[in-house]
PDB file of all heavy atoms in Angstrom:
ATOM      1  N   ASN A   1     -63.154  90.194  81.416  1.00  0.00           N
ATOM      2  CA  ASN A   1     -63.426  91.148  82.494  1.00  0.00           C
ATOM      3  C   ASN A   1     -64.756  90.868  83.189  1.00  0.00           C
ATOM      4  O   ASN A   1     -65.732  90.433  82.568  1.00  0.00           O
ATOM      5  CB  ASN A   1     -63.482  92.582  81.941  1.00  0.00           C
ATOM      6  CG  ASN A   1     -62.184  93.002  81.291  1.00  0.00           C
ATOM      7  OD1 ASN A   1     -61.184  92.306  81.373  1.00  0.00           O
ATOM      8  ND2 ASN A   1     -62.207  94.143  80.635  1.00  0.00           N
ATOM      9  N   ASN A   2     -64.788  91.157  84.493  1.00  0.00           N
ATOM     10  CA  ASN A   2     -66.039  91.181  85.259  1.00  0.00           C
ATOM     11  C   ASN A   2     -66.827  89.881  85.179  1.00  0.00           C
ATOM     12  O   ASN A   2     -68.033  89.870  84.938  1.00  0.00           O
ATOM     13  CB  ASN A   2     -66.925  92.354  84.793  1.00  0.00           C
ATOM     14  CG  ASN A   2     -66.297  93.689  85.058  1.00  0.00           C
ATOM     15  OD1 ASN A   2     -66.164  94.121  86.199  1.00  0.00           O
ATOM     16  ND2 ASN A   2     -65.862  94.349  83.994  1.00  0.00           N
ATOM     17  N   ASN A   3     -66.121  88.777  85.381  1.00  0.00           N
ATOM     18  CA  ASN A   3     -66.781  87.487  85.522  1.00  0.00           C
ATOM     19  C   ASN A   3     -66.616  87.024  86.963  1.00  0.00           C
ATOM     20  O   ASN A   3     -66.376  87.846  87.846  1.00  0.00           O
ATOM     21  CB  ASN A   3     -66.199  86.495  84.508  1.00  0.00           C
ATOM     22  CG  ASN A   3     -66.475  86.924  83.075  1.00  0.00           C
ATOM     23  OD1 ASN A   3     -67.619  87.059  82.662  1.00  0.00           O
ATOM     24  ND2 ASN A   3     -65.413  87.168  82.302  1.00  0.00           N
ATOM     25  N   GLN A   4     -66.699  85.725  87.212  1.00  0.00           N
ATOM     26  CA  GLN A   4     -66.584  85.195  88.577  1.00  0.00           C
ATOM     27  C   GLN A   4     -65.370  84.274  88.734  1.00  0.00           C
ATOM     28  O   GLN A   4     -65.366  83.396  89.591  1.00  0.00           O
ATOM     29  CB  GLN A   4     -67.874  84.443  88.942  1.00  0.00           C
ATOM     30  CG  GLN A   4     -69.128  85.297  88.937  1.00  0.00           C
ATOM     31  CD  GLN A   4     -69.035  86.454  89.910  1.00  0.00           C
ATOM     32  OE1 GLN A   4     -68.587  86.285  91.058  1.00  0.00           O
ATOM     33  NE2 GLN A   4     -69.433  87.642  89.469  1.00  0.00           N
ATOM     34  N   LEU A   5     -64.363  84.473  87.903  1.00  0.00           N
ATOM     35  CA  LEU A   5     -63.172  83.629  87.969  1.00  0.00           C
ATOM     36  C   LEU A   5     -62.443  83.841  89.291  1.00  0.00           C
ATOM     37  O   LEU A   5     -62.173  84.966  89.688  1.00  0.00           O
ATOM     38  CB  LEU A   5     -62.235  83.954  86.809  1.00  0.00           C
ATOM     39  CG  LEU A   5     -62.804  83.736  85.400  1.00  0.00           C
ATOM     40  CD1 LEU A   5     -61.812  84.234  84.348  1.00  0.00           C
ATOM     41  CD2 LEU A   5     -63.134  82.274  85.169  1.00  0.00           C
ATOM     42  N   THR A   6     -62.104  82.747  89.946  1.00  0.00           N
ATOM     43  CA  THR A   6     -61.455  82.843  91.249  1.00  0.00           C
ATOM     44  C   THR A   6     -59.959  82.539  91.188  1.00  0.00           C
ATOM     45  O   THR A   6     -59.250  82.750  92.167  1.00  0.00           O
ATOM     46  CB  THR A   6     -62.107  81.871  92.244  1.00  0.00           C
ATOM     47  OG1 THR A   6     -62.062  80.545  91.694  1.00  0.00           O
ATOM     48  CG2 THR A   6     -63.563  82.260  92.499  1.00  0.00           C
ATOM     49  N   ARG A   7     -59.492  82.033  90.061  1.00  0.00           N
ATOM     50  CA  ARG A   7     -58.060  81.764  89.941  1.00  0.00           C
ATOM     51  C   ARG A   7     -57.624  81.975  88.496  1.00  0.00           C
ATOM     52  O   ARG A   7     -58.439  81.969  87.570  1.00  0.00           O
ATOM     53  CB  ARG A   7     -57.714  80.345  90.393  1.00  0.00           C
ATOM     54  CG  ARG A   7     -58.271  79.256  89.499  1.00  0.00           C
ATOM     55  CD  ARG A   7     -57.918  77.868  90.024  1.00  0.00           C
ATOM     56  NE  ARG A   7     -58.400  76.827  89.140  1.00  0.00           N
ATOM     57  CZ  ARG A   7     -57.698  76.343  88.112  1.00  0.00           C
ATOM     58  NH1 ARG A   7     -56.488  76.841  87.855  1.00  0.00           N
ATOM     59  NH2 ARG A   7     -58.193  75.388  87.351  1.00  0.00           N
ATOM     60  N   ILE A   8     -56.338  82.160  88.313  1.00  0.00           N
ATOM     61  CA  ILE A   8     -55.777  82.283  86.971  1.00  0.00           C
ATOM     62  C   ILE A   8     -55.591  80.877  86.426  1.00  0.00           C
ATOM     63  O   ILE A   8     -54.832  80.081  86.998  1.00  0.00           O
ATOM     64  CB  ILE A   8     -54.444  83.031  87.000  1.00  0.00           C
ATOM     65  CG1 ILE A   8     -54.661  84.465  87.505  1.00  0.00           C
ATOM     66  CG2 ILE A   8     -53.808  83.050  85.616  1.00  0.00           C
ATOM     67  CD1 ILE A   8     -53.393  85.257  87.630  1.00  0.00           C
ATOM     68  N   PRO A   9     -56.273  80.508  85.360  1.00  0.00           N
ATOM     69  CA  PRO A   9     -56.191  79.137  84.845  1.00  0.00           C
ATOM     70  C   PRO A   9     -54.805  78.826  84.301  1.00  0.00           C
ATOM     71  O   PRO A   9     -54.194  79.643  83.629  1.00  0.00           O
ATOM     72  CB  PRO A   9     -57.243  79.128  83.726  1.00  0.00           C
ATOM     73  CG  PRO A   9     -57.371  80.553  83.319  1.00  0.00           C
ATOM     74  CD  PRO A   9     -57.126  81.370  84.542  1.00  0.00           C
ATOM     75  N   LEU A  10     -54.304  77.641  84.606  1.00  0.00           N
ATOM     76  CA  LEU A  10     -52.948  77.290  84.216  1.00  0.00           C
ATOM     77  C   LEU A  10     -52.895  76.674  82.817  1.00  0.00           C
ATOM     78  O   LEU A  10     -52.085  77.070  81.985  1.00  0.00           O
ATOM     79  CB  LEU A  10     -52.348  76.313  85.229  1.00  0.00           C
ATOM     80  CG  LEU A  10     -52.279  76.820  86.669  1.00  0.00           C
ATOM     81  CD1 LEU A  10     -51.609  75.779  87.559  1.00  0.00           C
ATOM     82  CD2 LEU A  10     -51.520  78.128  86.742  1.00  0.00           C
ATOM     83  N   GLU A  11     -53.749  75.693  82.543  1.00  0.00           N
ATOM     84  CA  GLU A  11     -53.689  74.966  81.282  1.00  0.00           C
ATOM     85  C   GLU A  11     -54.676  75.482  80.241  1.00  0.00           C
ATOM     86  O   GLU A  11     -54.593  75.104  79.077  1.00  0.00           O
ATOM     87  CB  GLU A  11     -53.959  73.475  81.532  1.00  0.00           C
ATOM     88  CG  GLU A  11     -52.952  72.807  82.442  1.00  0.00           C
ATOM     89  CD  GLU A  11     -51.553  72.803  81.836  1.00  0.00           C
ATOM     90  OE1 GLU A  11     -51.427  72.620  80.617  1.00  0.00           O
ATOM     91  OE2 GLU A  11     -50.583  72.986  82.590  1.00  0.00           O
ATOM     92  N   SER A  12     -55.584  76.353  80.631  1.00  0.00           N
ATOM     93  CA  SER A  12     -56.615  76.809  79.696  1.00  0.00           C
ATOM     94  C   SER A  12     -56.047  77.665  78.577  1.00  0.00           C
ATOM     95  O   SER A  12     -56.695  77.866  77.556  1.00  0.00           O
ATOM     96  CB  SER A  12     -57.688  77.605  80.445  1.00  0.00           C
ATOM     97  OG  SER A  12     -58.292  76.815  81.427  1.00  0.00           O
ATOM     98  N   PHE A  13     -54.826  78.181  78.753  1.00  0.00           N
ATOM     99  CA  PHE A  13     -54.239  79.073  77.753  1.00  0.00           C
ATOM    100  C   PHE A  13     -53.219  78.369  76.856  1.00  0.00           C
ATOM    101  O   PHE A  13     -52.552  79.004  76.052  1.00  0.00           O
ATOM    102  CB  PHE A  13     -53.525  80.246  78.451  1.00  0.00           C
ATOM    103  CG  PHE A  13     -54.433  81.117  79.263  1.00  0.00           C
ATOM    104  CD1 PHE A  13     -53.964  81.722  80.417  1.00  0.00           C
ATOM    105  CD2 PHE A  13     -55.749  81.339  78.881  1.00  0.00           C
ATOM    106  CE1 PHE A  13     -54.796  82.540  81.171  1.00  0.00           C
ATOM    107  CE2 PHE A  13     -56.583  82.147  79.628  1.00  0.00           C
ATOM    108  CZ  PHE A  13     -56.108  82.749  80.774  1.00  0.00           C
ATOM    109  N   ARG A  14     -53.086  77.061  76.989  1.00  0.00           N
ATOM    110  CA  ARG A  14     -51.961  76.391  76.331  1.00  0.00           C
ATOM    111  C   ARG A  14     -52.060  76.384  74.806  1.00  0.00           C
ATOM    112  O   ARG A  14     -51.059  76.142  74.139  1.00  0.00           O
ATOM    113  CB  ARG A  14     -51.825  74.967  76.861  1.00  0.00           C
ATOM    114  CG  ARG A  14     -52.986  74.033  76.541  1.00  0.00           C
ATOM    115  CD  ARG A  14     -52.772  72.710  77.255  1.00  0.00           C
ATOM    116  NE  ARG A  14     -53.874  71.772  77.010  1.00  0.00           N
ATOM    117  CZ  ARG A  14     -53.988  70.596  77.600  1.00  0.00           C
ATOM    118  NH1 ARG A  14     -53.065  70.219  78.475  1.00  0.00           N
ATOM    119  NH2 ARG A  14     -55.006  69.801  77.337  1.00  0.00           N
ATOM    120  N   GLN A  15     -53.246  76.644  74.256  1.00  0.00           N
ATOM    121  CA  GLN A  15     -53.375  76.691  72.794  1.00  0.00           C
ATOM    122  C   GLN A  15     -53.170  78.096  72.241  1.00  0.00           C
ATOM    123  O   GLN A  15     -53.247  78.307  71.039  1.00  0.00           O
ATOM    124  CB  GLN A  15     -54.772  76.194  72.385  1.00  0.00           C
ATOM    125  CG  GLN A  15     -55.028  74.746  72.754  1.00  0.00           C
ATOM    126  CD  GLN A  15     -56.395  74.577  73.387  1.00  0.00           C
ATOM    127  OE1 GLN A  15     -56.870  75.439  74.114  1.00  0.00           O
ATOM    128  NE2 GLN A  15     -57.018  73.445  73.104  1.00  0.00           N
ATOM    129  N   LEU A  16     -52.891  79.064  73.117  1.00  0.00           N
ATOM    130  CA  LEU A  16     -52.902  80.475  72.701  1.00  0.00           C
ATOM    131  C   LEU A  16     -51.490  81.024  72.494  1.00  0.00           C
ATOM    132  O   LEU A  16     -51.085  82.012  73.102  1.00  0.00           O
ATOM    133  CB  LEU A  16     -53.661  81.308  73.738  1.00  0.00           C
ATOM    134  CG  LEU A  16     -55.098  80.851  74.000  1.00  0.00           C
ATOM    135  CD1 LEU A  16     -55.772  81.770  75.015  1.00  0.00           C
ATOM    136  CD2 LEU A  16     -55.900  80.795  72.707  1.00  0.00           C
ATOM    137  N   ASN A  17     -50.750  80.398  71.632  1.00  0.00           N
ATOM    138  CA  ASN A  17     -49.377  80.830  71.370  1.00  0.00           C
ATOM    139  C   ASN A  17     -49.301  82.180  70.685  1.00  0.00           C
ATOM    140  O   ASN A  17     -48.261  82.837  70.710  1.00  0.00           O
ATOM    141  CB  ASN A  17     -48.664  79.784  70.500  1.00  0.00           C
ATOM    142  CG  ASN A  17     -48.472  78.472  71.230  1.00  0.00           C
ATOM    143  OD1 ASN A  17     -48.206  78.469  72.426  1.00  0.00           O
ATOM    144  ND2 ASN A  17     -48.620  77.358  70.527  1.00  0.00           N
ATOM    145  N   HIS A  18     -50.415  82.600  70.052  1.00  0.00           N
ATOM    146  CA  HIS A  18     -50.419  83.870  69.315  1.00  0.00           C
ATOM    147  C   HIS A  18     -51.094  84.999  70.102  1.00  0.00           C
ATOM    148  O   HIS A  18     -51.220  86.106  69.580  1.00  0.00           O
ATOM    149  CB  HIS A  18     -51.129  83.694  67.973  1.00  0.00           C
ATOM    150  CG  HIS A  18     -50.465  82.704  67.063  1.00  0.00           C
ATOM    151  ND1 HIS A  18     -49.338  83.010  66.331  1.00  0.00           N
ATOM    152  CD2 HIS A  18     -50.753  81.402  66.791  1.00  0.00           C
ATOM    153  CE1 HIS A  18     -48.979  81.949  65.628  1.00  0.00           C
ATOM    154  NE2 HIS A  18     -49.809  80.957  65.890  1.00  0.00           N
ATOM    155  N   LEU A  19     -51.513  84.720  71.327  1.00  0.00           N
ATOM    156  CA  LEU A  19     -52.233  85.725  72.104  1.00  0.00           C
ATOM    157  C   LEU A  19     -51.339  86.924  72.427  1.00  0.00           C
ATOM    158  O   LEU A  19     -50.220  86.761  72.919  1.00  0.00           O
ATOM    159  CB  LEU A  19     -52.765  85.119  73.399  1.00  0.00           C
ATOM    160  CG  LEU A  19     -53.837  85.951  74.122  1.00  0.00           C
ATOM    161  CD1 LEU A  19     -55.128  85.972  73.311  1.00  0.00           C
ATOM    162  CD2 LEU A  19     -54.100  85.403  75.523  1.00  0.00           C
ATOM    163  N   GLU A  20     -51.849  88.131  72.145  1.00  0.00           N
ATOM    164  CA  GLU A  20     -51.108  89.365  72.411  1.00  0.00           C
ATOM    165  C   GLU A  20     -51.729  90.176  73.549  1.00  0.00           C
ATOM    166  O   GLU A  20     -51.016  90.863  74.270  1.00  0.00           O
ATOM    167  CB  GLU A  20     -51.054  90.219  71.139  1.00  0.00           C
ATOM    168  CG  GLU A  20     -50.321  89.559  69.993  1.00  0.00           C
ATOM    169  CD  GLU A  20     -50.371  90.374  68.722  1.00  0.00           C
ATOM    170  OE1 GLU A  20     -50.913  91.508  68.767  1.00  0.00           O
ATOM    171  OE2 GLU A  20     -49.876  89.901  67.679  1.00  0.00           O
ATOM    172  N   HIS A  21     -53.054  90.117  73.692  1.00  0.00           N
ATOM    173  CA  HIS A  21     -53.750  90.910  74.718  1.00  0.00           C
ATOM    174  C   HIS A  21     -54.599  89.998  75.583  1.00  0.00           C
ATOM    175  O   HIS A  21     -55.427  89.238  75.072  1.00  0.00           O
ATOM    176  CB  HIS A  21     -54.631  91.968  74.064  1.00  0.00           C
ATOM    177  CG  HIS A  21     -55.552  92.658  75.026  1.00  0.00           C
ATOM    178  ND1 HIS A  21     -55.104  93.569  75.972  1.00  0.00           N
ATOM    179  CD2 HIS A  21     -56.892  92.556  75.215  1.00  0.00           C
ATOM    180  CE1 HIS A  21     -56.125  93.992  76.694  1.00  0.00           C
ATOM    181  NE2 HIS A  21     -57.222  93.393  76.257  1.00  0.00           N
ATOM    182  N   LEU A  22     -54.411  90.073  76.903  1.00  0.00           N
ATOM    183  CA  LEU A  22     -55.199  89.289  77.853  1.00  0.00           C
ATOM    184  C   LEU A  22     -55.664  90.187  78.985  1.00  0.00           C
ATOM    185  O   LEU A  22     -54.871  90.890  79.600  1.00  0.00           O
ATOM    186  CB  LEU A  22     -54.357  88.139  78.425  1.00  0.00           C
ATOM    187  CG  LEU A  22     -55.013  87.325  79.554  1.00  0.00           C
ATOM    188  CD1 LEU A  22     -56.271  86.625  79.057  1.00  0.00           C
ATOM    189  CD2 LEU A  22     -54.021  86.312  80.132  1.00  0.00           C
ATOM    190  N   SER A  23     -56.974  90.163  79.260  1.00  0.00           N
ATOM    191  CA  SER A  23     -57.521  90.927  80.381  1.00  0.00           C
ATOM    192  C   SER A  23     -58.323  90.000  81.286  1.00  0.00           C
ATOM    193  O   SER A  23     -59.269  89.343  80.842  1.00  0.00           O
ATOM    194  CB  SER A  23     -58.418  92.062  79.885  1.00  0.00           C
ATOM    195  OG  SER A  23     -58.945  92.775  80.998  1.00  0.00           O
ATOM    196  N   LEU A  24     -57.925  89.960  82.557  1.00  0.00           N
ATOM    197  CA  LEU A  24     -58.642  89.195  83.584  1.00  0.00           C
ATOM    198  C   LEU A  24     -59.174  90.146  84.657  1.00  0.00           C
ATOM    199  O   LEU A  24     -59.401  89.745  85.796  1.00  0.00           O
ATOM    200  CB  LEU A  24     -57.697  88.175  84.216  1.00  0.00           C
ATOM    201  CG  LEU A  24     -57.215  87.052  83.287  1.00  0.00           C
ATOM    202  CD1 LEU A  24     -56.019  86.333  83.889  1.00  0.00           C
ATOM    203  CD2 LEU A  24     -58.336  86.069  83.016  1.00  0.00           C
ATOM    204  N   ALA A  25     -59.387  91.387  84.293  1.00  0.00           N
ATOM    205  CA  ALA A  25     -59.700  92.435  85.259  1.00  0.00           C
ATOM    206  C   ALA A  25     -61.037  92.216  85.955  1.00  0.00           C
ATOM    207  O   ALA A  25     -62.006  91.765  85.355  1.00  0.00           O
ATOM    208  CB  ALA A  25     -59.708  93.796  84.559  1.00  0.00           C
ATOM    209  N   TYR A  26     -61.046  92.544  87.226  1.00  0.00           N
ATOM    210  CA  TYR A  26     -62.251  92.565  88.051  1.00  0.00           C
ATOM    211  C   TYR A  26     -62.970  91.224  88.085  1.00  0.00           C
ATOM    212  O   TYR A  26     -64.183  91.128  87.976  1.00  0.00           O
ATOM    213  CB  TYR A  26     -63.182  93.717  87.628  1.00  0.00           C
ATOM    214  CG  TYR A  26     -62.525  95.046  87.909  1.00  0.00           C
ATOM    215  CD1 TYR A  26     -61.876  95.748  86.908  1.00  0.00           C
ATOM    216  CD2 TYR A  26     -62.471  95.550  89.210  1.00  0.00           C
ATOM    217  CE1 TYR A  26     -61.206  96.935  87.174  1.00  0.00           C
ATOM    218  CE2 TYR A  26     -61.809  96.733  89.490  1.00  0.00           C
ATOM    219  CZ  TYR A  26     -61.182  97.424  88.469  1.00  0.00           C
ATOM    220  OH  TYR A  26     -60.510  98.592  88.736  1.00  0.00           O
ATOM    221  N   ASN A  27     -62.162  90.183  88.259  1.00  0.00           N
ATOM    222  CA  ASN A  27     -62.629  88.883  88.700  1.00  0.00           C
ATOM    223  C   ASN A  27     -62.131  88.704  90.138  1.00  0.00           C
ATOM    224  O   ASN A  27     -61.114  89.290  90.506  1.00  0.00           O
ATOM    225  CB  ASN A  27     -62.058  87.781  87.813  1.00  0.00           C
ATOM    226  CG  ASN A  27     -62.702  87.731  86.444  1.00  0.00           C
ATOM    227  OD1 ASN A  27     -63.790  87.188  86.271  1.00  0.00           O
ATOM    228  ND2 ASN A  27     -62.032  88.325  85.459  1.00  0.00           N
ATOM    229  N   PRO A  28     -62.816  87.920  90.963  1.00  0.00           N
ATOM    230  CA  PRO A  28     -62.349  87.723  92.354  1.00  0.00           C
ATOM    231  C   PRO A  28     -61.177  86.745  92.417  1.00  0.00           C
ATOM    232  O   PRO A  28     -61.194  85.767  93.162  1.00  0.00           O
ATOM    233  CB  PRO A  28     -63.597  87.170  93.052  1.00  0.00           C
ATOM    234  CG  PRO A  28     -64.353  86.457  91.977  1.00  0.00           C
ATOM    235  CD  PRO A  28     -64.118  87.269  90.723  1.00  0.00           C
ATOM    236  N   ILE A  29     -60.136  87.028  91.638  1.00  0.00           N
ATOM    237  CA  ILE A  29     -58.997  86.109  91.533  1.00  0.00           C
ATOM    238  C   ILE A  29     -58.122  86.206  92.784  1.00  0.00           C
ATOM    239  O   ILE A  29     -57.753  87.281  93.229  1.00  0.00           O
ATOM    240  CB  ILE A  29     -58.162  86.422  90.276  1.00  0.00           C
ATOM    241  CG1 ILE A  29     -58.941  86.026  89.025  1.00  0.00           C
ATOM    242  CG2 ILE A  29     -56.823  85.708  90.309  1.00  0.00           C
ATOM    243  CD1 ILE A  29     -58.255  86.410  87.737  1.00  0.00           C
ATOM    244  N   TRP A  30     -57.811  85.056  93.315  1.00  0.00           N
ATOM    245  CA  TRP A  30     -56.895  84.950  94.456  1.00  0.00           C
ATOM    246  C   TRP A  30     -55.736  84.092  93.970  1.00  0.00           C
ATOM    247  O   TRP A  30     -55.847  82.886  93.854  1.00  0.00           O
ATOM    248  CB  TRP A  30     -57.605  84.290  95.631  1.00  0.00           C
ATOM    249  CG  TRP A  30     -56.767  84.121  96.857  1.00  0.00           C
ATOM    250  CD1 TRP A  30     -55.821  83.165  97.077  1.00  0.00           C
ATOM    251  CD2 TRP A  30     -56.806  84.921  98.023  1.00  0.00           C
ATOM    252  NE1 TRP A  30     -55.257  83.311  98.312  1.00  0.00           N
ATOM    253  CE2 TRP A  30     -55.846  84.387  98.925  1.00  0.00           C
ATOM    254  CE3 TRP A  30     -57.530  86.034  98.416  1.00  0.00           C
ATOM    255  CZ2 TRP A  30     -55.617  84.933 100.181  1.00  0.00           C
ATOM    256  CZ3 TRP A  30     -57.302  86.571  99.664  1.00  0.00           C
ATOM    257  CH2 TRP A  30     -56.353  86.030 100.539  1.00  0.00           C
ATOM    258  N   HIS A  31     -54.628  84.704  93.650  1.00  0.00           N
ATOM    259  CA  HIS A  31     -53.514  83.946  93.098  1.00  0.00           C
ATOM    260  C   HIS A  31     -52.825  83.173  94.211  1.00  0.00           C
ATOM    261  O   HIS A  31     -52.341  83.761  95.175  1.00  0.00           O
ATOM    262  CB  HIS A  31     -52.518  84.882  92.404  1.00  0.00           C
ATOM    263  CG  HIS A  31     -51.539  84.154  91.560  1.00  0.00           C
ATOM    264  ND1 HIS A  31     -50.371  83.638  92.063  1.00  0.00           N
ATOM    265  CD2 HIS A  31     -51.562  83.815  90.244  1.00  0.00           C
ATOM    266  CE1 HIS A  31     -49.711  83.030  91.090  1.00  0.00           C
ATOM    267  NE2 HIS A  31     -50.411  83.127  89.979  1.00  0.00           N
ATOM    268  N   PRO A  32     -52.762  81.836  94.103  1.00  0.00           N
ATOM    269  CA  PRO A  32     -52.266  81.029  95.225  1.00  0.00           C
ATOM    270  C   PRO A  32     -50.756  81.010  95.358  1.00  0.00           C
ATOM    271  O   PRO A  32     -50.231  80.610  96.394  1.00  0.00           O
ATOM    272  CB  PRO A  32     -52.784  79.630  94.875  1.00  0.00           C
ATOM    273  CG  PRO A  32     -52.832  79.628  93.374  1.00  0.00           C
ATOM    274  CD  PRO A  32     -53.210  81.022  92.976  1.00  0.00           C
ATOM    275  N   ASN A  33     -50.038  81.414  94.312  1.00  0.00           N
ATOM    276  CA  ASN A  33     -48.586  81.252  94.306  1.00  0.00           C
ATOM    277  C   ASN A  33     -47.891  82.574  94.616  1.00  0.00           C
ATOM    278  O   ASN A  33     -47.998  83.526  93.869  1.00  0.00           O
ATOM    279  CB  ASN A  33     -48.142  80.740  92.930  1.00  0.00           C
ATOM    280  CG  ASN A  33     -46.697  80.281  92.936  1.00  0.00           C
ATOM    281  OD1 ASN A  33     -45.936  80.620  93.838  1.00  0.00           O
ATOM    282  ND2 ASN A  33     -46.329  79.508  91.936  1.00  0.00           N
ATOM    283  N   CYS A  34     -47.174  82.625  95.698  1.00  0.00           N
ATOM    284  CA  CYS A  34     -46.483  83.848  96.102  1.00  0.00           C
ATOM    285  C   CYS A  34     -45.241  84.105  95.263  1.00  0.00           C
ATOM    286  O   CYS A  34     -44.685  85.200  95.297  1.00  0.00           O
ATOM    287  CB  CYS A  34     -46.047  83.755  97.563  1.00  0.00           C
ATOM    288  SG  CYS A  34     -47.357  83.269  98.689  1.00  0.00           S
ATOM    289  N   LEU A  35     -44.779  83.100  94.539  1.00  0.00           N
ATOM    290  CA  LEU A  35     -43.453  83.186  93.956  1.00  0.00           C
ATOM    291  C   LEU A  35     -43.429  83.750  92.543  1.00  0.00           C
ATOM    292  O   LEU A  35     -42.591  84.568  92.218  1.00  0.00           O
ATOM    293  CB  LEU A  35     -42.795  81.795  93.975  1.00  0.00           C
ATOM    294  CG  LEU A  35     -42.650  81.175  95.358  1.00  0.00           C
ATOM    295  CD1 LEU A  35     -42.027  79.796  95.258  1.00  0.00           C
ATOM    296  CD2 LEU A  35     -41.818  82.078  96.258  1.00  0.00           C
ATOM    297  N   THR A  36     -44.331  83.328  91.685  1.00  0.00           N
ATOM    298  CA  THR A  36     -44.243  83.751  90.293  1.00  0.00           C
ATOM    299  C   THR A  36     -45.563  83.555  89.566  1.00  0.00           C
ATOM    300  O   THR A  36     -46.390  82.734  89.973  1.00  0.00           O
ATOM    301  CB  THR A  36     -43.133  82.975  89.562  1.00  0.00           C
ATOM    302  OG1 THR A  36     -43.095  83.410  88.200  1.00  0.00           O
ATOM    303  CG2 THR A  36     -43.387  81.487  89.575  1.00  0.00           C
ATOM    304  N   LEU A  37     -45.751  84.301  88.489  1.00  0.00           N
ATOM    305  CA  LEU A  37     -46.884  84.090  87.596  1.00  0.00           C
ATOM    306  C   LEU A  37     -46.493  83.199  86.423  1.00  0.00           C
ATOM    307  O   LEU A  37     -47.288  82.958  85.528  1.00  0.00           O
ATOM    308  CB  LEU A  37     -47.372  85.438  87.034  1.00  0.00           C
ATOM    309  CG  LEU A  37     -48.280  86.274  87.925  1.00  0.00           C
ATOM    310  CD1 LEU A  37     -48.534  87.617  87.265  1.00  0.00           C
ATOM    311  CD2 LEU A  37     -49.589  85.575  88.202  1.00  0.00           C
ATOM    312  N   GLY A  38     -45.270  82.701  86.440  1.00  0.00           N
ATOM    313  CA  GLY A  38     -44.743  81.966  85.300  1.00  0.00           C
ATOM    314  C   GLY A  38     -45.577  80.770  84.887  1.00  0.00           C
ATOM    315  O   GLY A  38     -45.812  80.548  83.700  1.00  0.00           O
ATOM    316  N   ASP A  39     -46.025  79.966  85.854  1.00  0.00           N
ATOM    317  CA  ASP A  39     -46.795  78.769  85.509  1.00  0.00           C
ATOM    318  C   ASP A  39     -48.111  79.122  84.811  1.00  0.00           C
ATOM    319  O   ASP A  39     -48.578  78.399  83.945  1.00  0.00           O
ATOM    320  CB  ASP A  39     -47.087  77.955  86.770  1.00  0.00           C
ATOM    321  CG  ASP A  39     -45.839  77.287  87.321  1.00  0.00           C
ATOM    322  OD1 ASP A  39     -44.878  77.123  86.544  1.00  0.00           O
ATOM    323  OD2 ASP A  39     -45.830  76.958  88.508  1.00  0.00           O
ATOM    324  N   SER A  40     -48.701  80.251  85.201  1.00  0.00           N
ATOM    325  CA  SER A  40     -49.990  80.631  84.633  1.00  0.00           C
ATOM    326  C   SER A  40     -49.870  81.095  83.189  1.00  0.00           C
ATOM    327  O   SER A  40     -50.793  80.920  82.396  1.00  0.00           O
ATOM    328  CB  SER A  40     -50.617  81.756  85.470  1.00  0.00           C
ATOM    329  OG  SER A  40     -50.776  81.351  86.804  1.00  0.00           O
TER     330      SER A  40
END
């Protein structure tokens, strides 16, 4: 939360197969893909 991330990282989460809770709140994220969040 509350960092300066501008996009949702695609490959940075690839080791997190057990992740249950993720918060990216209040970053200036501009999601470039109109179609889906699937890749992220």
